[in-house]
Amino acid sequence: MRSRGFITVPIEIAPGNNWFLDVQRAGGSWRPQWEVTTMATIPVVLLTLSAFGLMFNVQRSRHMRLLQSMLPRADDQTANTSDGAGRNGVVMNSAAGCLLTIVRQLMQGKFLSLVGALARRVL
């Protein structure tokens, strides 16, 4: 059986189970129907994955900068107070120190002054 430039040969594998073998000359021009779709889809998928990777790295960088802003540098002076607020090397005038002070005062049942709360909010 000959059609579209190649030869089709039916092969009976088992009774009622026929396979068809298509044979053409070497260097033929047959291409699958999905080739153009695949070639168009691959760059779109790769660009999408690259954009997700960029967003992930930007968010990670922002998160690391936030964490580093809350923790003291090695050359900063740490506060050594009797109530332990300077524990673990937290600088009391840093954002982390202010948060520790607010939490400590709330746990002790003290009310924060409006001016102090607003001053801490600016940090």
PDB file of N, CA and C in Angstrom:
ATOM      1  N   MET A   1       0.839  -1.158   0.000  1.00  0.00           N
ATOM      2  CA  MET A   1       0.000   0.000   0.000  1.00  0.00           C
ATOM      3  C   MET A   1       0.903   1.247   0.000  1.00  0.00           C
ATOM      4  N   ARG A   2       0.668   2.136  -0.943  1.00  0.00           N
ATOM      5  CA  ARG A   2       1.500   3.318  -1.095  1.00  0.00           C
ATOM      6  C   ARG A   2       0.639   4.573  -0.934  1.00  0.00           C
ATOM      7  N   SER A   3       1.105   5.502  -0.048  1.00  0.00           N
ATOM      8  CA  SER A   3       0.385   6.766   0.112  1.00  0.00           C
ATOM      9  C   SER A   3       1.334   7.805   0.680  1.00  0.00           C
ATOM     10  N   ARG A   4       1.258   9.016   0.194  1.00  0.00           N
ATOM     11  CA  ARG A   4       2.020  10.165   0.664  1.00  0.00           C
ATOM     12  C   ARG A   4       3.536   9.926   0.685  1.00  0.00           C
ATOM     13  N   GLY A   5       4.083   9.181  -0.231  1.00  0.00           N
ATOM     14  CA  GLY A   5       5.520   9.031  -0.354  1.00  0.00           C
ATOM     15  C   GLY A   5       6.140   7.965   0.532  1.00  0.00           C
ATOM     16  N   PHE A   6       5.353   7.199   1.243  1.00  0.00           N
ATOM     17  CA  PHE A   6       5.936   6.103   2.022  1.00  0.00           C
ATOM     18  C   PHE A   6       5.098   4.852   1.839  1.00  0.00           C
ATOM     19  N   ILE A   7       5.681   3.732   2.209  1.00  0.00           N
ATOM     20  CA  ILE A   7       5.026   2.435   2.037  1.00  0.00           C
ATOM     21  C   ILE A   7       4.510   1.982   3.388  1.00  0.00           C
ATOM     22  N   THR A   8       3.264   1.520   3.427  1.00  0.00           N
ATOM     23  CA  THR A   8       2.670   0.998   4.653  1.00  0.00           C
ATOM     24  C   THR A   8       2.500  -0.497   4.510  1.00  0.00           C
ATOM     25  N   VAL A   9       3.048  -1.219   5.492  1.00  0.00           N
ATOM     26  CA  VAL A   9       2.973  -2.680   5.474  1.00  0.00           C
ATOM     27  C   VAL A   9       2.215  -3.120   6.727  1.00  0.00           C
ATOM     28  N   PRO A  10       1.091  -3.838   6.571  1.00  0.00           N
ATOM     29  CA  PRO A  10       0.391  -4.340   7.756  1.00  0.00           C
ATOM     30  C   PRO A  10       1.102  -5.572   8.328  1.00  0.00           C
ATOM     31  N   ILE A  11       1.237  -5.622   9.639  1.00  0.00           N
ATOM     32  CA  ILE A  11       1.863  -6.765  10.311  1.00  0.00           C
ATOM     33  C   ILE A  11       0.865  -7.287  11.335  1.00  0.00           C
ATOM     34  N   GLU A  12       0.568  -8.598  11.250  1.00  0.00           N
ATOM     35  CA  GLU A  12      -0.374  -9.184  12.194  1.00  0.00           C
ATOM     36  C   GLU A  12       0.419  -9.742  13.376  1.00  0.00           C
ATOM     37  N   ILE A  13       0.278  -9.115  14.541  1.00  0.00           N
ATOM     38  CA  ILE A  13       0.994  -9.518  15.748  1.00  0.00           C
ATOM     39  C   ILE A  13       0.297 -10.715  16.381  1.00  0.00           C
ATOM     40  N   ALA A  14      -0.988 -10.643  16.487  1.00  0.00           N
ATOM     41  CA  ALA A  14      -1.817 -11.718  17.026  1.00  0.00           C
ATOM     42  C   ALA A  14      -3.136 -11.652  16.269  1.00  0.00           C
ATOM     43  N   PRO A  15      -3.934 -12.696  16.340  1.00  0.00           N
ATOM     44  CA  PRO A  15      -5.215 -12.635  15.642  1.00  0.00           C
ATOM     45  C   PRO A  15      -6.056 -11.446  16.132  1.00  0.00           C
ATOM     46  N   GLY A  16      -6.396 -10.564  15.228  1.00  0.00           N
ATOM     47  CA  GLY A  16      -7.184  -9.385  15.546  1.00  0.00           C
ATOM     48  C   GLY A  16      -6.350  -8.198  16.014  1.00  0.00           C
ATOM     49  N   ASN A  17      -5.017  -8.332  16.057  1.00  0.00           N
ATOM     50  CA  ASN A  17      -4.135  -7.254  16.500  1.00  0.00           C
ATOM     51  C   ASN A  17      -3.152  -6.947  15.381  1.00  0.00           C
ATOM     52  N   ASN A  18      -3.486  -5.961  14.553  1.00  0.00           N
ATOM     53  CA  ASN A  18      -2.642  -5.597  13.420  1.00  0.00           C
ATOM     54  C   ASN A  18      -1.890  -4.293  13.700  1.00  0.00           C
ATOM     55  N   TRP A  19      -0.629  -4.293  13.359  1.00  0.00           N
ATOM     56  CA  TRP A  19       0.191  -3.082  13.412  1.00  0.00           C
ATOM     57  C   TRP A  19       0.518  -2.698  11.989  1.00  0.00           C
ATOM     58  N   PHE A  20       0.762  -1.396  11.778  1.00  0.00           N
ATOM     59  CA  PHE A  20       1.114  -0.922  10.448  1.00  0.00           C
ATOM     60  C   PHE A  20       2.494  -0.291  10.501  1.00  0.00           C
ATOM     61  N   LEU A  21       3.385  -0.754   9.658  1.00  0.00           N
ATOM     62  CA  LEU A  21       4.756  -0.256   9.582  1.00  0.00           C
ATOM     63  C   LEU A  21       4.853   0.664   8.381  1.00  0.00           C
ATOM     64  N   ASP A  22       5.221   1.939   8.647  1.00  0.00           N
ATOM     65  CA  ASP A  22       5.401   2.921   7.578  1.00  0.00           C
ATOM     66  C   ASP A  22       6.879   3.047   7.292  1.00  0.00           C
ATOM     67  N   VAL A  23       7.251   2.837   6.033  1.00  0.00           N
ATOM     68  CA  VAL A  23       8.653   2.897   5.621  1.00  0.00           C
ATOM     69  C   VAL A  23       8.786   3.942   4.520  1.00  0.00           C
ATOM     70  N   GLN A  24       9.831   4.776   4.607  1.00  0.00           N
ATOM     71  CA  GLN A  24      10.105   5.752   3.561  1.00  0.00           C
ATOM     72  C   GLN A  24      11.603   5.803   3.318  1.00  0.00           C
ATOM     73  N   ARG A  25      11.992   6.478   2.263  1.00  0.00           N
ATOM     74  CA  ARG A  25      13.406   6.582   1.926  1.00  0.00           C
ATOM     75  C   ARG A  25      14.144   7.379   2.996  1.00  0.00           C
ATOM     76  N   ALA A  26      15.443   7.108   3.120  1.00  0.00           N
ATOM     77  CA  ALA A  26      16.280   7.859   4.055  1.00  0.00           C
ATOM     78  C   ALA A  26      16.293   9.325   3.628  1.00  0.00           C
ATOM     79  N   GLY A  27      16.263  10.240   4.611  1.00  0.00           N
ATOM     80  CA  GLY A  27      16.243  11.669   4.294  1.00  0.00           C
ATOM     81  C   GLY A  27      14.874  12.156   3.898  1.00  0.00           C
ATOM     82  N   GLY A  28      13.844  11.422   4.256  1.00  0.00           N
ATOM     83  CA  GLY A  28      12.485  11.836   3.941  1.00  0.00           C
ATOM     84  C   GLY A  28      12.096  13.090   4.714  1.00  0.00           C
ATOM     85  N   SER A  29      10.979  13.662   4.351  1.00  0.00           N
ATOM     86  CA  SER A  29      10.588  14.943   4.924  1.00  0.00           C
ATOM     87  C   SER A  29       9.447  14.827   5.934  1.00  0.00           C
ATOM     88  N   TRP A  30       9.243  13.663   6.502  1.00  0.00           N
ATOM     89  CA  TRP A  30       8.146  13.505   7.457  1.00  0.00           C
ATOM     90  C   TRP A  30       8.489  14.199   8.764  1.00  0.00           C
ATOM     91  N   ARG A  31       7.552  14.961   9.284  1.00  0.00           N
ATOM     92  CA  ARG A  31       7.714  15.628  10.572  1.00  0.00           C
ATOM     93  C   ARG A  31       6.426  15.430  11.361  1.00  0.00           C
ATOM     94  N   PRO A  32       6.529  15.243  12.668  1.00  0.00           N
ATOM     95  CA  PRO A  32       5.310  15.030  13.461  1.00  0.00           C
ATOM     96  C   PRO A  32       4.464  16.307  13.505  1.00  0.00           C
ATOM     97  N   GLN A  33       3.162  16.138  13.709  1.00  0.00           N
ATOM     98  CA  GLN A  33       2.254  17.275  13.740  1.00  0.00           C
ATOM     99  C   GLN A  33       2.515  18.183  14.942  1.00  0.00           C
ATOM    100  N   TRP A  34       3.053  17.639  16.028  1.00  0.00           N
ATOM    101  CA  TRP A  34       3.249  18.408  17.249  1.00  0.00           C
ATOM    102  C   TRP A  34       4.574  19.153  17.279  1.00  0.00           C
ATOM    103  N   GLU A  35       5.370  19.063  16.229  1.00  0.00           N
ATOM    104  CA  GLU A  35       6.701  19.685  16.241  1.00  0.00           C
ATOM    105  C   GLU A  35       6.615  21.213  16.349  1.00  0.00           C
ATOM    106  N   VAL A  36       5.775  21.859  15.575  1.00  0.00           N
ATOM    107  CA  VAL A  36       5.667  23.323  15.593  1.00  0.00           C
ATOM    108  C   VAL A  36       5.117  23.793  16.940  1.00  0.00           C
ATOM    109  N   THR A  37       4.135  23.085  17.469  1.00  0.00           N
ATOM    110  CA  THR A  37       3.563  23.440  18.770  1.00  0.00           C
ATOM    111  C   THR A  37       4.617  23.331  19.871  1.00  0.00           C
ATOM    112  N   THR A  38       5.414  22.284  19.818  1.00  0.00           N
ATOM    113  CA  THR A  38       6.470  22.096  20.816  1.00  0.00           C
ATOM    114  C   THR A  38       7.513  23.194  20.709  1.00  0.00           C
ATOM    115  N   MET A  39       7.918  23.533  19.507  1.00  0.00           N
ATOM    116  CA  MET A  39       8.929  24.574  19.320  1.00  0.00           C
ATOM    117  C   MET A  39       8.415  25.943  19.778  1.00  0.00           C
ATOM    118  N   ALA A  40       7.120  26.170  19.703  1.00  0.00           N
ATOM    119  CA  ALA A  40       6.562  27.442  20.169  1.00  0.00           C
ATOM    120  C   ALA A  40       6.344  27.435  21.687  1.00  0.00           C
ATOM    121  N   THR A  41       6.067  26.276  22.251  1.00  0.00           N
ATOM    122  CA  THR A  41       5.765  26.178  23.672  1.00  0.00           C
ATOM    123  C   THR A  41       7.015  26.231  24.540  1.00  0.00           C
ATOM    124  N   ILE A  42       8.106  25.629  24.092  1.00  0.00           N
ATOM    125  CA  ILE A  42       9.328  25.550  24.907  1.00  0.00           C
ATOM    126  C   ILE A  42       9.832  26.930  25.329  1.00  0.00           C
ATOM    127  N   PRO A  43       9.986  27.917  24.443  1.00  0.00           N
ATOM    128  CA  PRO A  43      10.453  29.229  24.921  1.00  0.00           C
ATOM    129  C   PRO A  43       9.492  29.895  25.908  1.00  0.00           C
ATOM    130  N   VAL A  44       8.189  29.716  25.710  1.00  0.00           N
ATOM    131  CA  VAL A  44       7.212  30.314  26.627  1.00  0.00           C
ATOM    132  C   VAL A  44       7.349  29.697  28.018  1.00  0.00           C
ATOM    133  N   VAL A  45       7.470  28.381  28.080  1.00  0.00           N
ATOM    134  CA  VAL A  45       7.617  27.695  29.364  1.00  0.00           C
ATOM    135  C   VAL A  45       8.925  28.110  30.041  1.00  0.00           C
ATOM    136  N   LEU A  46      10.007  28.182  29.282  1.00  0.00           N
ATOM    137  CA  LEU A  46      11.291  28.575  29.864  1.00  0.00           C
ATOM    138  C   LEU A  46      11.277  30.010  30.365  1.00  0.00           C
ATOM    139  N   LEU A  47      10.643  30.919  29.635  1.00  0.00           N
ATOM    140  CA  LEU A  47      10.532  32.301  30.110  1.00  0.00           C
ATOM    141  C   LEU A  47       9.684  32.392  31.379  1.00  0.00           C
ATOM    142  N   THR A  48       8.618  31.608  31.448  1.00  0.00           N
ATOM    143  CA  THR A  48       7.774  31.595  32.642  1.00  0.00           C
ATOM    144  C   THR A  48       8.553  31.081  33.843  1.00  0.00           C
ATOM    145  N   LEU A  49       9.289  29.981  33.662  1.00  0.00           N
ATOM    146  CA  LEU A  49      10.096  29.448  34.756  1.00  0.00           C
ATOM    147  C   LEU A  49      11.179  30.428  35.186  1.00  0.00           C
ATOM    148  N   SER A  50      11.776  31.123  34.237  1.00  0.00           N
ATOM    149  CA  SER A  50      12.781  32.136  34.567  1.00  0.00           C
ATOM    150  C   SER A  50      12.170  33.274  35.370  1.00  0.00           C
ATOM    151  N   ALA A  51      10.971  33.696  35.000  1.00  0.00           N
ATOM    152  CA  ALA A  51      10.290  34.772  35.736  1.00  0.00           C
ATOM    153  C   ALA A  51       9.975  34.325  37.165  1.00  0.00           C
ATOM    154  N   PHE A  52       9.521  33.079  37.340  1.00  0.00           N
ATOM    155  CA  PHE A  52       9.269  32.567  38.684  1.00  0.00           C
ATOM    156  C   PHE A  52      10.557  32.513  39.496  1.00  0.00           C
ATOM    157  N   GLY A  53      11.646  32.079  38.870  1.00  0.00           N
ATOM    158  CA  GLY A  53      12.935  32.043  39.563  1.00  0.00           C
ATOM    159  C   GLY A  53      13.389  33.433  39.975  1.00  0.00           C
ATOM    160  N   LEU A  54      13.198  34.417  39.111  1.00  0.00           N
ATOM    161  CA  LEU A  54      13.570  35.799  39.434  1.00  0.00           C
ATOM    162  C   LEU A  54      12.731  36.313  40.605  1.00  0.00           C
ATOM    163  N   MET A  55      11.415  36.075  40.574  1.00  0.00           N
ATOM    164  CA  MET A  55      10.559  36.524  41.669  1.00  0.00           C
ATOM    165  C   MET A  55      10.957  35.861  42.985  1.00  0.00           C
ATOM    166  N   PHE A  56      11.287  34.566  42.940  1.00  0.00           N
ATOM    167  CA  PHE A  56      11.711  33.855  44.143  1.00  0.00           C
ATOM    168  C   PHE A  56      12.985  34.476  44.707  1.00  0.00           C
ATOM    169  N   ASN A  57      13.963  34.754  43.849  1.00  0.00           N
ATOM    170  CA  ASN A  57      15.223  35.328  44.318  1.00  0.00           C
ATOM    171  C   ASN A  57      15.047  36.745  44.852  1.00  0.00           C
ATOM    172  N   VAL A  58      14.171  37.531  44.244  1.00  0.00           N
ATOM    173  CA  VAL A  58      13.915  38.889  44.735  1.00  0.00           C
ATOM    174  C   VAL A  58      13.267  38.832  46.111  1.00  0.00           C
ATOM    175  N   GLN A  59      12.272  37.965  46.283  1.00  0.00           N
ATOM    176  CA  GLN A  59      11.618  37.837  47.577  1.00  0.00           C
ATOM    177  C   GLN A  59      12.587  37.329  48.645  1.00  0.00           C
ATOM    178  N   ARG A  60      13.448  36.392  48.268  1.00  0.00           N
ATOM    179  CA  ARG A  60      14.446  35.869  49.213  1.00  0.00           C
ATOM    180  C   ARG A  60      15.416  36.970  49.616  1.00  0.00           C
ATOM    181  N   SER A  61      15.830  37.787  48.662  1.00  0.00           N
ATOM    182  CA  SER A  61      16.736  38.885  48.955  1.00  0.00           C
ATOM    183  C   SER A  61      16.078  39.894  49.893  1.00  0.00           C
ATOM    184  N   ARG A  62      14.813  40.227  49.648  1.00  0.00           N
ATOM    185  CA  ARG A  62      14.086  41.152  50.527  1.00  0.00           C
ATOM    186  C   ARG A  62      13.980  40.586  51.938  1.00  0.00           C
ATOM    187  N   HIS A  63      13.684  39.300  52.020  1.00  0.00           N
ATOM    188  CA  HIS A  63      13.549  38.651  53.318  1.00  0.00           C
ATOM    189  C   HIS A  63      14.880  38.671  54.074  1.00  0.00           C
ATOM    190  N   MET A  64      15.969  38.385  53.385  1.00  0.00           N
ATOM    191  CA  MET A  64      17.284  38.387  54.027  1.00  0.00           C
ATOM    192  C   MET A  64      17.646  39.794  54.505  1.00  0.00           C
ATOM    193  N   ARG A  65      17.346  40.820  53.703  1.00  0.00           N
ATOM    194  CA  ARG A  65      17.627  42.195  54.128  1.00  0.00           C
ATOM    195  C   ARG A  65      16.799  42.565  55.347  1.00  0.00           C
ATOM    196  N   LEU A  66      15.545  42.114  55.404  1.00  0.00           N
ATOM    197  CA  LEU A  66      14.709  42.385  56.564  1.00  0.00           C
ATOM    198  C   LEU A  66      15.285  41.716  57.810  1.00  0.00           C
ATOM    199  N   LEU A  67      15.679  40.454  57.680  1.00  0.00           N
ATOM    200  CA  LEU A  67      16.264  39.753  58.819  1.00  0.00           C
ATOM    201  C   LEU A  67      17.559  40.413  59.277  1.00  0.00           C
ATOM    202  N   GLN A  68      18.395  40.818  58.333  1.00  0.00           N
ATOM    203  CA  GLN A  68      19.657  41.459  58.691  1.00  0.00           C
ATOM    204  C   GLN A  68      19.433  42.817  59.332  1.00  0.00           C
ATOM    205  N   SER A  69      18.365  43.513  58.965  1.00  0.00           N
ATOM    206  CA  SER A  69      18.090  44.805  59.593  1.00  0.00           C
ATOM    207  C   SER A  69      17.617  44.630  61.031  1.00  0.00           C
ATOM    208  N   MET A  70      17.015  43.473  61.334  1.00  0.00           N
ATOM    209  CA  MET A  70      16.535  43.238  62.689  1.00  0.00           C
ATOM    210  C   MET A  70      17.633  42.733  63.615  1.00  0.00           C
ATOM    211  N   LEU A  71      18.657  42.104  63.075  1.00  0.00           N
ATOM    212  CA  LEU A  71      19.739  41.575  63.895  1.00  0.00           C
ATOM    213  C   LEU A  71      20.886  42.567  63.947  1.00  0.00           C
ATOM    214  N   PRO A  72      21.615  42.607  65.066  1.00  0.00           N
ATOM    215  CA  PRO A  72      22.712  43.573  65.179  1.00  0.00           C
ATOM    216  C   PRO A  72      23.926  43.152  64.379  1.00  0.00           C
ATOM    217  N   ARG A  73      24.743  44.142  64.053  1.00  0.00           N
ATOM    218  CA  ARG A  73      26.031  43.842  63.429  1.00  0.00           C
ATOM    219  C   ARG A  73      27.001  43.462  64.527  1.00  0.00           C
ATOM    220  N   ALA A  74      28.103  42.861  64.169  1.00  0.00           N
ATOM    221  CA  ALA A  74      29.079  42.402  65.151  1.00  0.00           C
ATOM    222  C   ALA A  74      29.743  43.571  65.876  1.00  0.00           C
ATOM    223  N   ASP A  75      29.857  44.729  65.252  1.00  0.00           N
ATOM    224  CA  ASP A  75      30.539  45.856  65.876  1.00  0.00           C
ATOM    225  C   ASP A  75      29.614  46.731  66.713  1.00  0.00           C
ATOM    226  N   ASP A  76      28.296  46.435  66.750  1.00  0.00           N
ATOM    227  CA  ASP A  76      27.372  47.221  67.564  1.00  0.00           C
ATOM    228  C   ASP A  76      27.529  46.877  69.041  1.00  0.00           C
ATOM    229  N   GLN A  77      27.161  47.828  69.899  1.00  0.00           N
ATOM    230  CA  GLN A  77      27.181  47.599  71.337  1.00  0.00           C
ATOM    231  C   GLN A  77      25.856  46.962  71.735  1.00  0.00           C
ATOM    232  N   THR A  78      25.919  45.937  72.565  1.00  0.00           N
ATOM    233  CA  THR A  78      24.692  45.311  73.053  1.00  0.00           C
ATOM    234  C   THR A  78      24.369  45.859  74.420  1.00  0.00           C
ATOM    235  N   ALA A  79      23.087  45.932  74.681  1.00  0.00           N
ATOM    236  CA  ALA A  79      22.643  46.452  75.970  1.00  0.00           C
ATOM    237  C   ALA A  79      22.641  45.325  76.985  1.00  0.00           C
ATOM    238  N   ASN A  80      23.246  45.527  78.111  1.00  0.00           N
ATOM    239  CA  ASN A  80      23.250  44.543  79.184  1.00  0.00           C
ATOM    240  C   ASN A  80      22.388  45.074  80.311  1.00  0.00           C
ATOM    241  N   THR A  81      21.139  44.709  80.300  1.00  0.00           N
ATOM    242  CA  THR A  81      20.224  45.187  81.331  1.00  0.00           C
ATOM    243  C   THR A  81      19.972  44.072  82.315  1.00  0.00           C
ATOM    244  N   SER A  82      19.510  44.418  83.482  1.00  0.00           N
ATOM    245  CA  SER A  82      19.293  43.428  84.530  1.00  0.00           C
ATOM    246  C   SER A  82      18.086  42.542  84.236  1.00  0.00           C
ATOM    247  N   ASP A  83      17.153  43.016  83.418  1.00  0.00           N
ATOM    248  CA  ASP A  83      15.963  42.208  83.146  1.00  0.00           C
ATOM    249  C   ASP A  83      16.142  41.294  81.930  1.00  0.00           C
ATOM    250  N   GLY A  84      17.311  41.258  81.361  1.00  0.00           N
ATOM    251  CA  GLY A  84      17.602  40.311  80.293  1.00  0.00           C
ATOM    252  C   GLY A  84      17.185  40.765  78.912  1.00  0.00           C
ATOM    253  N   ALA A  85      16.856  42.040  78.733  1.00  0.00           N
ATOM    254  CA  ALA A  85      16.420  42.496  77.415  1.00  0.00           C
ATOM    255  C   ALA A  85      17.569  42.507  76.426  1.00  0.00           C
ATOM    256  N   GLY A  86      18.809  42.563  76.906  1.00  0.00           N
ATOM    257  CA  GLY A  86      19.950  42.570  76.011  1.00  0.00           C
ATOM    258  C   GLY A  86      20.500  41.186  75.745  1.00  0.00           C
ATOM    259  N   ARG A  87      19.773  40.187  76.122  1.00  0.00           N
ATOM    260  CA  ARG A  87      20.197  38.816  75.947  1.00  0.00           C
ATOM    261  C   ARG A  87      20.330  38.451  74.465  1.00  0.00           C
ATOM    262  N   ASN A  88      21.156  37.502  74.148  1.00  0.00           N
ATOM    263  CA  ASN A  88      21.386  36.992  72.790  1.00  0.00           C
ATOM    264  C   ASN A  88      21.954  38.043  71.849  1.00  0.00           C
ATOM    265  N   GLY A  89      22.563  39.069  72.385  1.00  0.00           N
ATOM    266  CA  GLY A  89      23.252  40.040  71.559  1.00  0.00           C
ATOM    267  C   GLY A  89      22.345  40.977  70.778  1.00  0.00           C
ATOM    268  N   VAL A  90      21.119  41.201  71.231  1.00  0.00           N
ATOM    269  CA  VAL A  90      20.208  42.083  70.510  1.00  0.00           C
ATOM    270  C   VAL A  90      20.478  43.525  70.928  1.00  0.00           C
ATOM    271  N   VAL A  91      20.692  44.384  69.972  1.00  0.00           N
ATOM    272  CA  VAL A  91      20.890  45.805  70.250  1.00  0.00           C
ATOM    273  C   VAL A  91      19.535  46.407  70.564  1.00  0.00           C
ATOM    274  N   MET A  92      19.449  47.113  71.686  1.00  0.00           N
ATOM    275  CA  MET A  92      18.156  47.579  72.149  1.00  0.00           C
ATOM    276  C   MET A  92      17.588  48.710  71.301  1.00  0.00           C
ATOM    277  N   ASN A  93      18.420  49.425  70.545  1.00  0.00           N
ATOM    278  CA  ASN A  93      17.866  50.478  69.693  1.00  0.00           C
ATOM    279  C   ASN A  93      17.622  49.988  68.271  1.00  0.00           C
ATOM    280  N   SER A  94      17.746  48.684  68.044  1.00  0.00           N
ATOM    281  CA  SER A  94      17.414  48.125  66.735  1.00  0.00           C
ATOM    282  C   SER A  94      15.931  47.771  66.703  1.00  0.00           C
ATOM    283  N   ALA A  95      15.433  47.387  65.565  1.00  0.00           N
ATOM    284  CA  ALA A  95      14.021  47.004  65.442  1.00  0.00           C
ATOM    285  C   ALA A  95      13.703  45.797  66.319  1.00  0.00           C
ATOM    286  N   ALA A  96      14.630  44.836  66.369  1.00  0.00           N
ATOM    287  CA  ALA A  96      14.406  43.650  67.197  1.00  0.00           C
ATOM    288  C   ALA A  96      14.387  44.026  68.672  1.00  0.00           C
ATOM    289  N   GLY A  97      15.262  44.940  69.072  1.00  0.00           N
ATOM    290  CA  GLY A  97      15.281  45.374  70.469  1.00  0.00           C
ATOM    291  C   GLY A  97      14.004  46.074  70.865  1.00  0.00           C
ATOM    292  N   CYS A  98      13.481  46.919  69.978  1.00  0.00           N
ATOM    293  CA  CYS A  98      12.218  47.607  70.257  1.00  0.00           C
ATOM    294  C   CYS A  98      11.065  46.614  70.377  1.00  0.00           C
ATOM    295  N   LEU A  99      11.049  45.608  69.500  1.00  0.00           N
ATOM    296  CA  LEU A  99       9.998  44.593  69.584  1.00  0.00           C
ATOM    297  C   LEU A  99      10.096  43.813  70.890  1.00  0.00           C
ATOM    298  N   LEU A 100      11.312  43.472  71.304  1.00  0.00           N
ATOM    299  CA  LEU A 100      11.485  42.761  72.566  1.00  0.00           C
ATOM    300  C   LEU A 100      11.007  43.604  73.737  1.00  0.00           C
ATOM    301  N   THR A 101      11.299  44.892  73.690  1.00  0.00           N
ATOM    302  CA  THR A 101      10.856  45.790  74.762  1.00  0.00           C
ATOM    303  C   THR A 101       9.335  45.859  74.816  1.00  0.00           C
ATOM    304  N   ILE A 102       8.680  45.987  73.673  1.00  0.00           N
ATOM    305  CA  ILE A 102       7.213  46.047  73.635  1.00  0.00           C
ATOM    306  C   ILE A 102       6.612  44.760  74.176  1.00  0.00           C
ATOM    307  N   VAL A 103       7.117  43.614  73.730  1.00  0.00           N
ATOM    308  CA  VAL A 103       6.579  42.328  74.181  1.00  0.00           C
ATOM    309  C   VAL A 103       6.804  42.162  75.680  1.00  0.00           C
ATOM    310  N   ARG A 104       7.998  42.542  76.182  1.00  0.00           N
ATOM    311  CA  ARG A 104       8.293  42.412  77.611  1.00  0.00           C
ATOM    312  C   ARG A 104       7.331  43.266  78.426  1.00  0.00           C
ATOM    313  N   GLN A 105       7.074  44.497  77.990  1.00  0.00           N
ATOM    314  CA  GLN A 105       6.181  45.370  78.731  1.00  0.00           C
ATOM    315  C   GLN A 105       4.747  44.843  78.705  1.00  0.00           C
ATOM    316  N   LEU A 106       4.317  44.310  77.578  1.00  0.00           N
ATOM    317  CA  LEU A 106       2.965  43.754  77.495  1.00  0.00           C
ATOM    318  C   LEU A 106       2.830  42.507  78.357  1.00  0.00           C
ATOM    319  N   MET A 107       3.878  41.673  78.405  1.00  0.00           N
ATOM    320  CA  MET A 107       3.838  40.461  79.226  1.00  0.00           C
ATOM    321  C   MET A 107       3.820  40.802  80.718  1.00  0.00           C
ATOM    322  N   GLN A 108       4.395  41.939  81.077  1.00  0.00           N
ATOM    323  CA  GLN A 108       4.396  42.371  82.470  1.00  0.00           C
ATOM    324  C   GLN A 108       3.091  43.074  82.843  1.00  0.00           C
ATOM    325  N   GLY A 109       2.210  43.254  81.889  1.00  0.00           N
ATOM    326  CA  GLY A 109       0.928  43.886  82.145  1.00  0.00           C
ATOM    327  C   GLY A 109       0.974  45.394  82.103  1.00  0.00           C
ATOM    328  N   LYS A 110       2.053  45.970  81.614  1.00  0.00           N
ATOM    329  CA  LYS A 110       2.167  47.419  81.529  1.00  0.00           C
ATOM    330  C   LYS A 110       1.524  47.903  80.233  1.00  0.00           C
ATOM    331  N   PHE A 111       1.002  49.116  80.282  1.00  0.00           N
ATOM    332  CA  PHE A 111       0.447  49.731  79.090  1.00  0.00           C
ATOM    333  C   PHE A 111       1.524  50.578  78.423  1.00  0.00           C
ATOM    334  N   LEU A 112       1.539  50.586  77.118  1.00  0.00           N
ATOM    335  CA  LEU A 112       2.509  51.393  76.390  1.00  0.00           C
ATOM    336  C   LEU A 112       1.981  52.816  76.268  1.00  0.00           C
ATOM    337  N   SER A 113       2.876  53.774  76.387  1.00  0.00           N
ATOM    338  CA  SER A 113       2.463  55.150  76.180  1.00  0.00           C
ATOM    339  C   SER A 113       2.265  55.386  74.687  1.00  0.00           C
ATOM    340  N   LEU A 114       1.377  56.294  74.368  1.00  0.00           N
ATOM    341  CA  LEU A 114       1.084  56.577  72.972  1.00  0.00           C
ATOM    342  C   LEU A 114       2.309  57.121  72.253  1.00  0.00           C
ATOM    343  N   VAL A 115       3.066  57.984  72.903  1.00  0.00           N
ATOM    344  CA  VAL A 115       4.261  58.563  72.279  1.00  0.00           C
ATOM    345  C   VAL A 115       5.308  57.479  72.053  1.00  0.00           C
ATOM    346  N   GLY A 116       5.498  56.604  73.035  1.00  0.00           N
ATOM    347  CA  GLY A 116       6.473  55.519  72.887  1.00  0.00           C
ATOM    348  C   GLY A 116       6.074  54.541  71.792  1.00  0.00           C
ATOM    349  N   ALA A 117       4.794  54.234  71.721  1.00  0.00           N
ATOM    350  CA  ALA A 117       4.316  53.311  70.692  1.00  0.00           C
ATOM    351  C   ALA A 117       4.497  53.909  69.301  1.00  0.00           C
ATOM    352  N   LEU A 118       4.202  55.199  69.169  1.00  0.00           N
ATOM    353  CA  LEU A 118       4.380  55.850  67.861  1.00  0.00           C
ATOM    354  C   LEU A 118       5.852  55.957  67.493  1.00  0.00           C
ATOM    355  N   ALA A 119       6.701  56.202  68.482  1.00  0.00           N
ATOM    356  CA  ALA A 119       8.136  56.285  68.212  1.00  0.00           C
ATOM    357  C   ALA A 119       8.666  54.937  67.752  1.00  0.00           C
ATOM    358  N   ARG A 120       8.145  53.873  68.352  1.00  0.00           N
ATOM    359  CA  ARG A 120       8.586  52.541  67.933  1.00  0.00           C
ATOM    360  C   ARG A 120       8.022  52.178  66.569  1.00  0.00           C
ATOM    361  N   ARG A 121       6.833  52.697  66.280  1.00  0.00           N
ATOM    362  CA  ARG A 121       6.207  52.423  64.977  1.00  0.00           C
ATOM    363  C   ARG A 121       7.032  53.001  63.845  1.00  0.00           C
ATOM    364  N   VAL A 122       7.727  54.117  64.076  1.00  0.00           N
ATOM    365  CA  VAL A 122       8.533  54.747  63.054  1.00  0.00           C
ATOM    366  C   VAL A 122       9.709  53.874  62.672  1.00  0.00           C
ATOM    367  N   LEU A 123      10.234  53.125  63.636  1.00  0.00           N
ATOM    368  CA  LEU A 123      11.354  52.228  63.336  1.00  0.00           C
ATOM    369  C   LEU A 123      10.880  51.189  62.375  1.00  0.00           C
TER     370      LEU A 123
END
